[in-house]
Amino acid sequence: METVWKNYKETGDKELRNQLIENYVYLVKIVAGRMYNFYGSRVDYDDLVGYGVLGLIDSIDKFDINKDIKFSTYAQIRIRGEMIDNIRKLDWIPRTLRSKSKEVQEAISKLENKYGRKPTNQEIAELLDMSVKNLEEVLADMSSFNVYSLEETIFDGGEAGIDNSKIETPEMILEEEGLKENLAGAIDALSENEKMVISLYYYEELTYKEIGKILDLSESRISQIHSKSILNMKNYMEKVNN
């Protein structure tokens, strides 16, 4: 494929671009499959694939073959971003869920400042005047809201909303060493269970069900851990960016 890439960048030939699309379309299917786990009740799988193909084409056109960056990493950011942009246009997230997400995030931050450590679910629930069971249900519901992608969580400066206007381009993201250091710090600050879920989900690309089997936990519990991990990372990034 190196020859195809080189020739395409030199000539812009559409047939060569089609070869690249056919070779990398599997990336679209990987991302679409993971996104469908969250949004299957709100968007068709075929629609996700369609959005993703647009992101793939865009990434092929803009990819710099002279940079020391893996195309698969670069492309998946753009593919996922294109899907997120189109899902966002559906505007399906209830205002109450947006509000609840912010409340939980603020509660975690407040308790961290008070105790100098990560708060337990019991402590968060007590501060919010709710039962632990209700808190866990909220965390599970928040999963599809807070976890659009790890990239968006980090690149939006820690805000709990879904405004994508502040997200930098993949080129800027991949070249920003300070961001990488902050990301590493945010992950390092997580509990062992949270680190494991983040690693298995984002780096090994496993589903909640697969992660649950590895950790001997239910899918719902993995969803809760995932959501709480993202909120913790948002708080961390918010602090270092201020």
Protein backbone atom coordinates (compact mmCIF):
# COMPACT_ATOMS: atom_id res chain seq x y z
CA MET A 1 0.00 0.00 0.00
CA GLU A 2 2.98 2.32 0.37
CA THR A 3 3.20 2.59 -3.41
CA VAL A 4 -0.53 3.28 -3.71
CA TRP A 5 -0.27 5.99 -1.05
CA LYS A 6 2.70 7.63 -2.75
CA ASN A 7 1.13 7.55 -6.20
CA TYR A 8 -2.20 8.87 -4.91
CA LYS A 9 -0.57 11.80 -3.13
CA GLU A 10 1.39 12.63 -6.28
CA THR A 11 -1.47 12.28 -8.78
CA GLY A 12 -4.75 12.49 -6.86
CA ASP A 13 -6.03 9.64 -9.07
CA LYS A 14 -9.57 8.60 -8.04
CA GLU A 15 -8.94 4.92 -8.78
CA LEU A 16 -6.02 4.93 -6.35
CA ARG A 17 -8.20 6.63 -3.75
CA ASN A 18 -10.81 3.92 -4.24
CA GLN A 19 -8.13 1.31 -3.58
CA LEU A 20 -7.25 3.05 -0.34
CA ILE A 21 -10.92 3.26 0.68
CA GLU A 22 -11.42 -0.46 0.01
CA ASN A 23 -8.27 -1.32 1.94
CA TYR A 24 -9.22 0.72 5.03
CA VAL A 25 -13.00 0.42 5.09
CA TYR A 26 -12.60 -2.17 7.85
CA LEU A 27 -11.72 0.74 10.17
CA VAL A 28 -15.15 2.21 9.52
CA LYS A 29 -16.81 -1.08 10.44
CA ILE A 30 -14.79 -1.36 13.65
CA VAL A 31 -15.75 2.12 14.81
CA ALA A 32 -19.36 1.73 13.64
CA GLY A 33 -19.71 -1.50 15.59
CA ARG A 34 -18.51 0.11 18.80
CA MET A 35 -20.64 3.23 18.31
CA TYR A 36 -23.69 1.08 17.58
CA ASN A 37 -23.37 -0.48 21.03
CA PHE A 38 -24.22 2.97 22.43
CA TYR A 39 -26.54 4.47 19.85
CA GLY A 40 -28.22 1.46 18.25
CA SER A 41 -31.65 2.52 19.50
CA ARG A 42 -31.25 5.96 17.94
CA VAL A 43 -29.35 5.45 14.69
CA ASP A 44 -29.05 2.66 12.13
CA TYR A 45 -25.79 0.76 11.77
CA ASP A 46 -25.80 1.44 8.01
CA ASP A 47 -26.11 5.17 8.72
CA LEU A 48 -23.09 5.00 11.03
CA VAL A 49 -21.12 3.24 8.30
CA GLY A 50 -22.18 5.92 5.81
CA TYR A 51 -21.01 8.71 8.13
CA GLY A 52 -17.80 6.81 8.77
CA VAL A 53 -17.00 6.40 5.09
CA LEU A 54 -17.17 10.18 4.72
CA GLY A 55 -14.68 10.46 7.58
CA LEU A 56 -12.45 7.84 5.96
CA ILE A 57 -12.41 9.67 2.63
CA ASP A 58 -11.59 12.93 4.41
CA SER A 59 -8.76 11.28 6.33
CA ILE A 60 -7.29 9.78 3.15
CA ASP A 61 -7.33 13.17 1.43
CA LYS A 62 -5.74 14.99 4.37
CA PHE A 63 -3.29 12.37 5.63
CA ASP A 64 0.37 13.37 5.39
CA ILE A 65 2.38 10.25 4.48
CA ASN A 66 5.60 11.99 5.48
CA LYS A 67 4.64 12.29 9.13
CA ASP A 68 5.45 9.57 11.63
CA ILE A 69 1.79 8.81 12.37
CA LYS A 70 -0.07 5.55 11.80
CA PHE A 71 -2.91 6.06 9.34
CA SER A 72 -5.22 3.74 11.30
CA THR A 73 -4.89 5.96 14.39
CA TYR A 74 -5.38 9.15 12.40
CA ALA A 75 -8.32 7.78 10.42
CA GLN A 76 -10.24 6.41 13.39
CA ILE A 77 -10.25 9.84 15.02
CA ARG A 78 -11.77 11.40 11.90
CA ILE A 79 -14.16 8.49 11.33
CA ARG A 80 -15.42 8.64 14.91
CA GLY A 81 -15.62 12.42 14.75
CA GLU A 82 -17.77 12.31 11.61
CA MET A 83 -20.13 9.83 13.28
CA ILE A 84 -20.34 11.94 16.43
CA ASP A 85 -21.06 15.09 14.44
CA ASN A 86 -23.97 13.42 12.67
CA ILE A 87 -25.33 11.77 15.82
CA ARG A 88 -25.21 15.15 17.53
CA LYS A 89 -27.45 16.59 14.84
CA LEU A 90 -30.16 14.17 15.96
CA ASP A 91 -30.17 16.00 19.34
CA TRP A 92 -31.53 13.01 21.27
CA ILE A 93 -29.88 13.64 24.64
CA PRO A 94 -32.45 14.74 27.26
CA ARG A 95 -31.72 17.98 29.11
CA THR A 96 -32.23 16.15 32.40
CA LEU A 97 -29.40 13.76 31.54
CA ARG A 98 -27.10 16.61 30.60
CA SER A 99 -27.91 18.29 33.92
CA LYS A 100 -27.45 15.09 35.93
CA SER A 101 -24.10 14.45 34.31
CA LYS A 102 -22.87 17.88 35.37
CA GLU A 103 -24.16 17.36 38.92
CA VAL A 104 -22.31 14.08 39.32
CA GLN A 105 -19.11 15.53 37.85
CA GLU A 106 -19.26 18.51 40.20
CA ALA A 107 -19.95 16.23 43.17
CA ILE A 108 -16.89 14.12 42.36
CA SER A 109 -14.73 17.24 42.06
CA LYS A 110 -16.02 18.67 45.34
CA LEU A 111 -15.39 15.44 47.24
CA GLU A 112 -11.91 15.07 45.71
CA ASN A 113 -11.02 18.52 46.99
CA LYS A 114 -12.45 17.69 50.41
CA TYR A 115 -10.83 14.29 50.96
CA GLY A 116 -7.79 14.51 48.70
CA ARG A 117 -8.72 11.21 47.02
CA LYS A 118 -11.26 9.67 44.68
CA PRO A 119 -14.68 9.54 46.36
CA THR A 120 -16.65 6.34 46.73
CA ASN A 121 -20.08 5.87 45.19
CA GLN A 122 -21.53 6.00 48.70
CA GLU A 123 -19.99 9.42 49.32
CA ILE A 124 -21.14 10.75 45.95
CA ALA A 125 -24.67 9.44 46.54
CA GLU A 126 -24.87 11.02 49.98
CA LEU A 127 -23.75 14.42 48.67
CA LEU A 128 -26.38 14.24 45.92
CA ASP A 129 -29.00 13.00 48.39
CA MET A 130 -29.73 9.82 46.51
CA SER A 131 -29.25 6.09 47.06
CA VAL A 132 -26.18 4.27 45.75
CA LYS A 133 -28.49 2.23 43.54
CA ASN A 134 -29.92 5.40 41.96
CA LEU A 135 -26.43 6.79 41.45
CA GLU A 136 -25.33 3.62 39.69
CA GLU A 137 -28.41 3.79 37.46
CA VAL A 138 -27.54 7.39 36.58
CA LEU A 139 -23.95 6.41 35.79
CA ALA A 140 -25.19 3.64 33.50
CA ASP A 141 -27.60 6.03 31.75
CA MET A 142 -24.83 8.58 31.36
CA SER A 143 -22.60 6.14 29.52
CA SER A 144 -23.84 6.99 26.04
CA PHE A 145 -23.76 10.71 26.86
CA ASN A 146 -20.37 11.06 28.52
CA VAL A 147 -18.53 8.49 26.47
CA TYR A 148 -18.83 9.64 22.88
CA SER A 149 -15.10 8.92 22.67
CA LEU A 150 -12.04 9.33 24.82
CA GLU A 151 -10.71 11.84 22.32
CA GLU A 152 -13.70 14.18 22.64
CA THR A 153 -13.59 14.03 26.42
CA ILE A 154 -9.98 15.14 26.48
CA PHE A 155 -10.08 17.61 23.61
CA ASP A 156 -13.15 19.56 24.75
CA GLY A 157 -11.26 20.91 27.75
CA GLY A 158 -13.23 18.91 30.29
CA GLU A 159 -16.66 20.37 29.60
CA ALA A 160 -19.59 18.04 30.12
CA GLY A 161 -21.49 19.21 27.07
CA ILE A 162 -21.25 17.91 23.55
CA ASP A 163 -20.13 21.06 21.75
CA ASN A 164 -17.50 19.89 19.27
CA SER A 165 -16.45 23.36 18.14
CA LYS A 166 -13.43 23.49 20.45
CA ILE A 167 -11.95 20.20 19.29
CA GLU A 168 -8.64 20.60 17.51
CA THR A 169 -7.81 18.87 14.25
CA PRO A 170 -6.28 15.38 14.46
CA GLU A 171 -2.99 16.80 13.20
CA MET A 172 -2.83 19.24 16.11
CA ILE A 173 -3.96 16.59 18.57
CA LEU A 174 -1.40 14.00 17.57
CA GLU A 175 1.44 16.50 17.58
CA GLU A 176 0.66 18.12 20.94
CA GLU A 177 3.01 16.61 23.51
CA GLY A 178 1.48 18.53 26.40
CA LEU A 179 -1.88 16.97 25.68
CA LYS A 180 -0.35 13.51 25.70
CA GLU A 181 1.24 14.20 29.07
CA ASN A 182 -2.06 15.41 30.49
CA LEU A 183 -3.83 12.37 29.13
CA ALA A 184 -1.25 10.10 30.72
CA GLY A 185 -1.68 11.94 34.01
CA ALA A 186 -5.47 11.64 33.85
CA ILE A 187 -5.26 7.89 33.28
CA ASP A 188 -2.61 7.43 35.97
CA ALA A 189 -4.90 9.15 38.49
CA LEU A 190 -7.64 6.54 37.95
CA SER A 191 -8.20 3.55 40.20
CA GLU A 192 -6.88 0.18 39.05
CA ASN A 193 -10.34 -0.99 37.96
CA GLU A 194 -10.91 2.23 36.03
CA LYS A 195 -7.52 1.98 34.33
CA MET A 196 -8.30 -1.58 33.31
CA VAL A 197 -11.68 -0.67 31.80
CA ILE A 198 -10.24 2.32 29.92
CA SER A 199 -7.36 0.20 28.61
CA LEU A 200 -9.53 -2.71 27.52
CA TYR A 201 -12.16 -0.48 25.94
CA TYR A 202 -10.04 2.08 24.13
CA TYR A 203 -6.78 0.25 23.45
CA GLU A 204 -7.90 -3.36 23.16
CA GLU A 205 -11.25 -2.22 21.68
CA LEU A 206 -13.32 -4.73 23.63
CA THR A 207 -17.05 -4.38 24.25
CA TYR A 208 -18.61 -4.00 27.71
CA LYS A 209 -19.68 -7.63 27.55
CA GLU A 210 -16.15 -8.82 26.78
CA ILE A 211 -14.63 -6.61 29.48
CA GLY A 212 -17.23 -7.90 31.94
CA LYS A 213 -16.15 -11.48 31.29
CA ILE A 214 -12.51 -10.61 31.90
CA LEU A 215 -13.19 -8.72 35.14
CA ASP A 216 -16.06 -11.00 36.20
CA LEU A 217 -18.48 -8.05 36.36
CA SER A 218 -21.82 -7.32 34.71
CA GLU A 219 -22.10 -5.14 31.61
CA SER A 220 -24.01 -2.62 33.71
CA ARG A 221 -21.18 -2.46 36.25
CA ILE A 222 -18.60 -1.97 33.48
CA SER A 223 -20.76 0.84 32.08
CA GLN A 224 -20.82 2.51 35.51
CA ILE A 225 -17.05 2.23 35.93
CA HIS A 226 -16.56 3.58 32.42
CA SER A 227 -18.78 6.61 33.02
CA LYS A 228 -17.16 7.38 36.36
CA SER A 229 -13.71 7.06 34.77
CA ILE A 230 -14.60 9.62 32.12
CA LEU A 231 -15.98 12.02 34.73
CA ASN A 232 -12.79 11.65 36.76
CA MET A 233 -10.70 12.31 33.64
CA LYS A 234 -12.82 15.36 32.79
CA ASN A 235 -12.21 16.79 36.24
CA TYR A 236 -8.49 16.11 35.97
CA MET A 237 -8.24 17.75 32.54
CA GLU A 238 -10.33 20.69 33.70
CA LYS A 239 -7.91 21.31 36.58
CA VAL A 240 -4.74 21.11 34.48
CA ASN A 241 -6.22 23.33 31.78
CA ASN A 242 -7.16 26.07 34.24
